[in-house]
């Protein structure tokens, strides 16, 4: 019997937390705040990286190190760049 009471209280508290979280997200969106992580590279940096990678003597790892990101992040934002693009 006592277990059921605690379970009901726990469920009630969880629902309150969920409602407050949703209300906070709605309020933040109304203030113009976007959720999620900010991108590591902006559009200007992506254009610069594409230009750098057109040079066959420059390695992806070197460009990634220069911009402080991983090679995977570069490939995600830039894709495969061939020298003649």
N, C-alpha and C. Protein backbone atom coordinates (compact mmCIF):
# COMPACT_ATOMS: atom_id res chain seq x y z
N UNK A 1 0.83 -1.19 0.00
CA UNK A 1 0.00 0.00 0.00
C UNK A 1 0.88 1.26 0.00
N UNK A 2 1.88 1.32 0.88
CA UNK A 2 2.74 2.50 0.97
C UNK A 2 3.54 2.68 -0.32
N UNK A 3 3.89 1.54 -0.94
CA UNK A 3 4.62 1.60 -2.21
C UNK A 3 3.80 2.32 -3.27
N UNK A 4 2.51 2.04 -3.33
CA UNK A 4 1.62 2.67 -4.31
C UNK A 4 1.51 4.17 -4.07
N UNK A 5 1.50 4.58 -2.82
CA UNK A 5 1.43 6.01 -2.49
C UNK A 5 2.70 6.71 -2.98
N UNK A 6 3.86 6.12 -2.69
CA UNK A 6 5.11 6.72 -3.14
C UNK A 6 5.19 6.76 -4.67
N UNK A 7 4.71 5.71 -5.31
CA UNK A 7 4.72 5.67 -6.77
C UNK A 7 3.83 6.77 -7.35
N UNK A 8 2.68 6.98 -6.75
CA UNK A 8 1.77 8.03 -7.21
C UNK A 8 2.39 9.41 -7.01
N UNK A 9 3.03 9.63 -5.87
CA UNK A 9 3.69 10.92 -5.61
C UNK A 9 4.84 11.15 -6.60
N UNK A 10 5.59 10.11 -6.86
CA UNK A 10 6.69 10.22 -7.80
C UNK A 10 6.19 10.56 -9.21
N UNK A 11 5.13 9.91 -9.63
CA UNK A 11 4.56 10.19 -10.94
C UNK A 11 4.03 11.62 -11.02
N UNK A 12 3.38 12.07 -9.95
CA UNK A 12 2.87 13.44 -9.90
C UNK A 12 4.02 14.45 -10.01
N UNK A 13 5.10 14.21 -9.26
CA UNK A 13 6.25 15.11 -9.29
C UNK A 13 6.89 15.12 -10.68
N UNK A 14 6.99 13.96 -11.30
CA UNK A 14 7.57 13.87 -12.64
C UNK A 14 6.74 14.67 -13.64
N UNK A 15 5.42 14.60 -13.53
CA UNK A 15 4.55 15.37 -14.42
C UNK A 15 4.73 16.87 -14.21
N UNK A 16 4.89 17.29 -12.95
CA UNK A 16 5.13 18.71 -12.67
C UNK A 16 6.44 19.18 -13.32
N UNK A 17 7.47 18.37 -13.19
CA UNK A 17 8.77 18.71 -13.79
C UNK A 17 8.63 18.82 -15.30
N UNK A 18 7.93 17.88 -15.91
CA UNK A 18 7.73 17.89 -17.36
C UNK A 18 6.99 19.16 -17.80
N UNK A 19 5.94 19.53 -17.06
CA UNK A 19 5.18 20.74 -17.40
C UNK A 19 6.04 21.99 -17.28
N UNK A 20 6.84 22.08 -16.22
CA UNK A 20 7.71 23.25 -16.04
C UNK A 20 8.77 23.32 -17.14
N UNK A 21 9.29 22.18 -17.52
CA UNK A 21 10.29 22.15 -18.59
C UNK A 21 9.68 22.63 -19.90
N UNK A 22 8.51 22.13 -20.23
CA UNK A 22 7.85 22.55 -21.47
C UNK A 22 7.52 24.04 -21.44
N UNK A 23 7.05 24.53 -20.30
CA UNK A 23 6.74 25.96 -20.18
C UNK A 23 8.00 26.81 -20.36
N UNK A 24 9.11 26.36 -19.81
CA UNK A 24 10.37 27.07 -19.96
C UNK A 24 10.84 27.10 -21.40
N UNK A 25 10.71 25.98 -22.11
CA UNK A 25 11.10 25.93 -23.51
C UNK A 25 10.25 26.86 -24.37
N UNK A 26 8.94 26.87 -24.10
CA UNK A 26 8.04 27.76 -24.84
C UNK A 26 8.39 29.22 -24.57
N UNK A 27 8.66 29.55 -23.32
CA UNK A 27 9.02 30.93 -22.97
C UNK A 27 10.34 31.33 -23.63
N UNK A 28 11.29 30.43 -23.67
CA UNK A 28 12.58 30.73 -24.30
C UNK A 28 12.40 30.96 -25.80
N UNK A 29 11.60 30.13 -26.44
CA UNK A 29 11.35 30.33 -27.87
C UNK A 29 10.65 31.65 -28.13
N UNK A 30 9.73 32.03 -27.24
CA UNK A 30 9.03 33.31 -27.39
C UNK A 30 10.00 34.48 -27.28
N UNK A 31 11.08 34.32 -26.51
CA UNK A 31 12.09 35.37 -26.38
C UNK A 31 13.11 35.32 -27.51
N UNK A 32 12.94 34.37 -28.42
CA UNK A 32 13.85 34.29 -29.57
C UNK A 32 15.04 33.37 -29.37
N UNK A 33 15.05 32.62 -28.31
CA UNK A 33 16.16 31.71 -28.06
C UNK A 33 15.93 30.40 -28.80
N UNK A 34 16.93 29.97 -29.54
CA UNK A 34 16.84 28.68 -30.23
C UNK A 34 17.54 27.63 -29.38
N UNK A 35 17.03 26.44 -29.40
CA UNK A 35 17.65 25.36 -28.64
C UNK A 35 18.74 24.69 -29.45
N UNK A 36 19.49 23.87 -28.78
CA UNK A 36 20.52 23.10 -29.46
C UNK A 36 21.89 23.74 -29.40
N UNK A 37 22.83 22.97 -29.84
CA UNK A 37 24.22 23.40 -29.82
C UNK A 37 24.51 24.34 -31.00
N UNK A 38 25.36 25.30 -30.77
CA UNK A 38 25.76 26.22 -31.83
C UNK A 38 26.72 25.50 -32.78
N UNK A 39 26.63 25.81 -34.08
CA UNK A 39 27.53 25.15 -35.03
C UNK A 39 28.99 25.54 -34.80
N UNK A 40 29.88 24.59 -35.02
CA UNK A 40 31.31 24.85 -34.83
C UNK A 40 31.86 25.74 -35.95
N UNK A 41 31.30 25.62 -37.14
CA UNK A 41 31.79 26.37 -38.29
C UNK A 41 30.67 27.21 -38.88
N UNK A 42 30.96 28.48 -39.18
CA UNK A 42 29.96 29.31 -39.84
C UNK A 42 30.13 29.20 -41.36
N UNK A 43 29.25 29.87 -42.11
CA UNK A 43 29.28 29.75 -43.57
C UNK A 43 30.59 30.28 -44.16
N UNK A 44 31.10 31.36 -43.60
CA UNK A 44 32.36 31.93 -44.10
C UNK A 44 33.51 30.93 -43.93
N UNK A 45 33.56 30.29 -42.77
CA UNK A 45 34.62 29.32 -42.51
C UNK A 45 34.50 28.13 -43.45
N UNK A 46 33.28 27.69 -43.73
CA UNK A 46 33.08 26.56 -44.64
C UNK A 46 33.59 26.92 -46.04
N UNK A 47 33.30 28.15 -46.49
CA UNK A 47 33.81 28.58 -47.80
C UNK A 47 35.34 28.61 -47.81
N UNK A 48 35.93 29.12 -46.72
CA UNK A 48 37.40 29.16 -46.63
C UNK A 48 37.99 27.75 -46.66
N UNK A 49 37.36 26.84 -45.94
CA UNK A 49 37.84 25.46 -45.88
C UNK A 49 37.76 24.81 -47.25
N UNK A 50 36.64 25.03 -47.96
CA UNK A 50 36.51 24.46 -49.30
C UNK A 50 37.62 24.97 -50.21
N UNK A 51 37.92 26.26 -50.10
CA UNK A 51 38.99 26.83 -50.92
C UNK A 51 40.34 26.21 -50.56
N UNK A 52 40.60 26.03 -49.27
CA UNK A 52 41.86 25.42 -48.85
C UNK A 52 41.99 23.99 -49.35
N UNK A 53 40.90 23.25 -49.30
CA UNK A 53 40.95 21.83 -49.65
C UNK A 53 41.03 21.59 -51.15
N UNK A 54 40.83 22.64 -51.95
CA UNK A 54 41.01 22.49 -53.39
C UNK A 54 42.48 22.31 -53.75
N UNK A 55 43.35 22.78 -52.87
CA UNK A 55 44.79 22.63 -53.07
C UNK A 55 45.18 21.20 -52.69
N UNK A 56 45.70 20.41 -53.63
CA UNK A 56 46.02 19.01 -53.34
C UNK A 56 47.16 18.84 -52.33
N UNK A 57 47.93 19.89 -52.08
CA UNK A 57 49.05 19.79 -51.13
C UNK A 57 48.61 19.97 -49.68
N UNK A 58 47.40 20.45 -49.47
CA UNK A 58 46.91 20.69 -48.10
C UNK A 58 46.10 19.49 -47.65
N UNK A 59 46.41 18.98 -46.48
CA UNK A 59 45.74 17.80 -45.94
C UNK A 59 44.54 18.20 -45.07
N UNK A 60 43.55 17.34 -45.07
CA UNK A 60 42.34 17.58 -44.28
C UNK A 60 42.69 17.72 -42.81
N UNK A 61 43.59 16.89 -42.31
CA UNK A 61 43.97 16.95 -40.89
C UNK A 61 44.58 18.30 -40.54
N UNK A 62 45.36 18.88 -41.45
CA UNK A 62 45.96 20.19 -41.19
C UNK A 62 44.89 21.28 -41.11
N UNK A 63 43.93 21.23 -42.02
CA UNK A 63 42.85 22.22 -42.00
C UNK A 63 42.00 22.05 -40.74
N UNK A 64 41.72 20.82 -40.38
CA UNK A 64 40.93 20.56 -39.17
C UNK A 64 41.64 21.11 -37.94
N UNK A 65 42.93 20.90 -37.86
CA UNK A 65 43.70 21.41 -36.72
C UNK A 65 43.67 22.94 -36.70
N UNK A 66 43.79 23.55 -37.86
CA UNK A 66 43.79 25.01 -37.96
C UNK A 66 42.48 25.62 -37.47
N UNK A 67 41.36 24.96 -37.75
CA UNK A 67 40.06 25.48 -37.36
C UNK A 67 39.56 24.90 -36.03
N UNK A 68 40.34 24.03 -35.44
CA UNK A 68 39.99 23.49 -34.12
C UNK A 68 38.82 22.53 -34.13
N UNK A 69 38.68 21.78 -35.21
CA UNK A 69 37.60 20.79 -35.30
C UNK A 69 38.20 19.45 -35.73
N UNK A 70 37.39 18.42 -35.68
CA UNK A 70 37.86 17.10 -36.11
C UNK A 70 37.70 16.97 -37.63
N UNK A 71 38.37 15.98 -38.18
CA UNK A 71 38.21 15.71 -39.62
C UNK A 71 36.77 15.34 -39.93
N UNK A 72 36.14 14.61 -39.03
CA UNK A 72 34.75 14.22 -39.23
C UNK A 72 33.85 15.44 -39.35
N UNK A 73 34.08 16.44 -38.50
CA UNK A 73 33.29 17.67 -38.57
C UNK A 73 33.51 18.36 -39.91
N UNK A 74 34.74 18.39 -40.38
CA UNK A 74 35.01 19.00 -41.69
C UNK A 74 34.23 18.28 -42.78
N UNK A 75 34.31 16.97 -42.80
CA UNK A 75 33.61 16.21 -43.83
C UNK A 75 32.10 16.41 -43.73
N UNK A 76 31.59 16.56 -42.52
CA UNK A 76 30.16 16.76 -42.33
C UNK A 76 29.72 18.09 -42.94
N UNK A 77 30.50 19.13 -42.74
CA UNK A 77 30.14 20.46 -43.22
C UNK A 77 30.52 20.69 -44.68
N UNK A 78 31.62 20.10 -45.11
CA UNK A 78 32.17 20.40 -46.43
C UNK A 78 31.89 19.29 -47.43
N UNK A 79 31.86 18.07 -46.98
CA UNK A 79 31.72 16.95 -47.89
C UNK A 79 33.07 16.65 -48.53
N UNK A 80 33.04 15.94 -49.63
CA UNK A 80 34.28 15.61 -50.34
C UNK A 80 34.53 16.71 -51.36
N UNK A 81 35.70 17.31 -51.29
CA UNK A 81 36.07 18.39 -52.21
C UNK A 81 37.18 17.89 -53.11
N UNK A 82 36.92 17.91 -54.41
CA UNK A 82 37.97 17.50 -55.35
C UNK A 82 38.72 18.75 -55.82
N UNK A 83 39.96 18.60 -56.25
CA UNK A 83 40.77 19.76 -56.62
C UNK A 83 40.21 20.59 -57.77
N UNK A 84 39.38 20.02 -58.63
CA UNK A 84 38.92 20.79 -59.79
C UNK A 84 37.60 21.52 -59.56
N UNK A 85 37.03 21.47 -58.37
CA UNK A 85 35.76 22.15 -58.12
C UNK A 85 35.93 23.64 -58.12
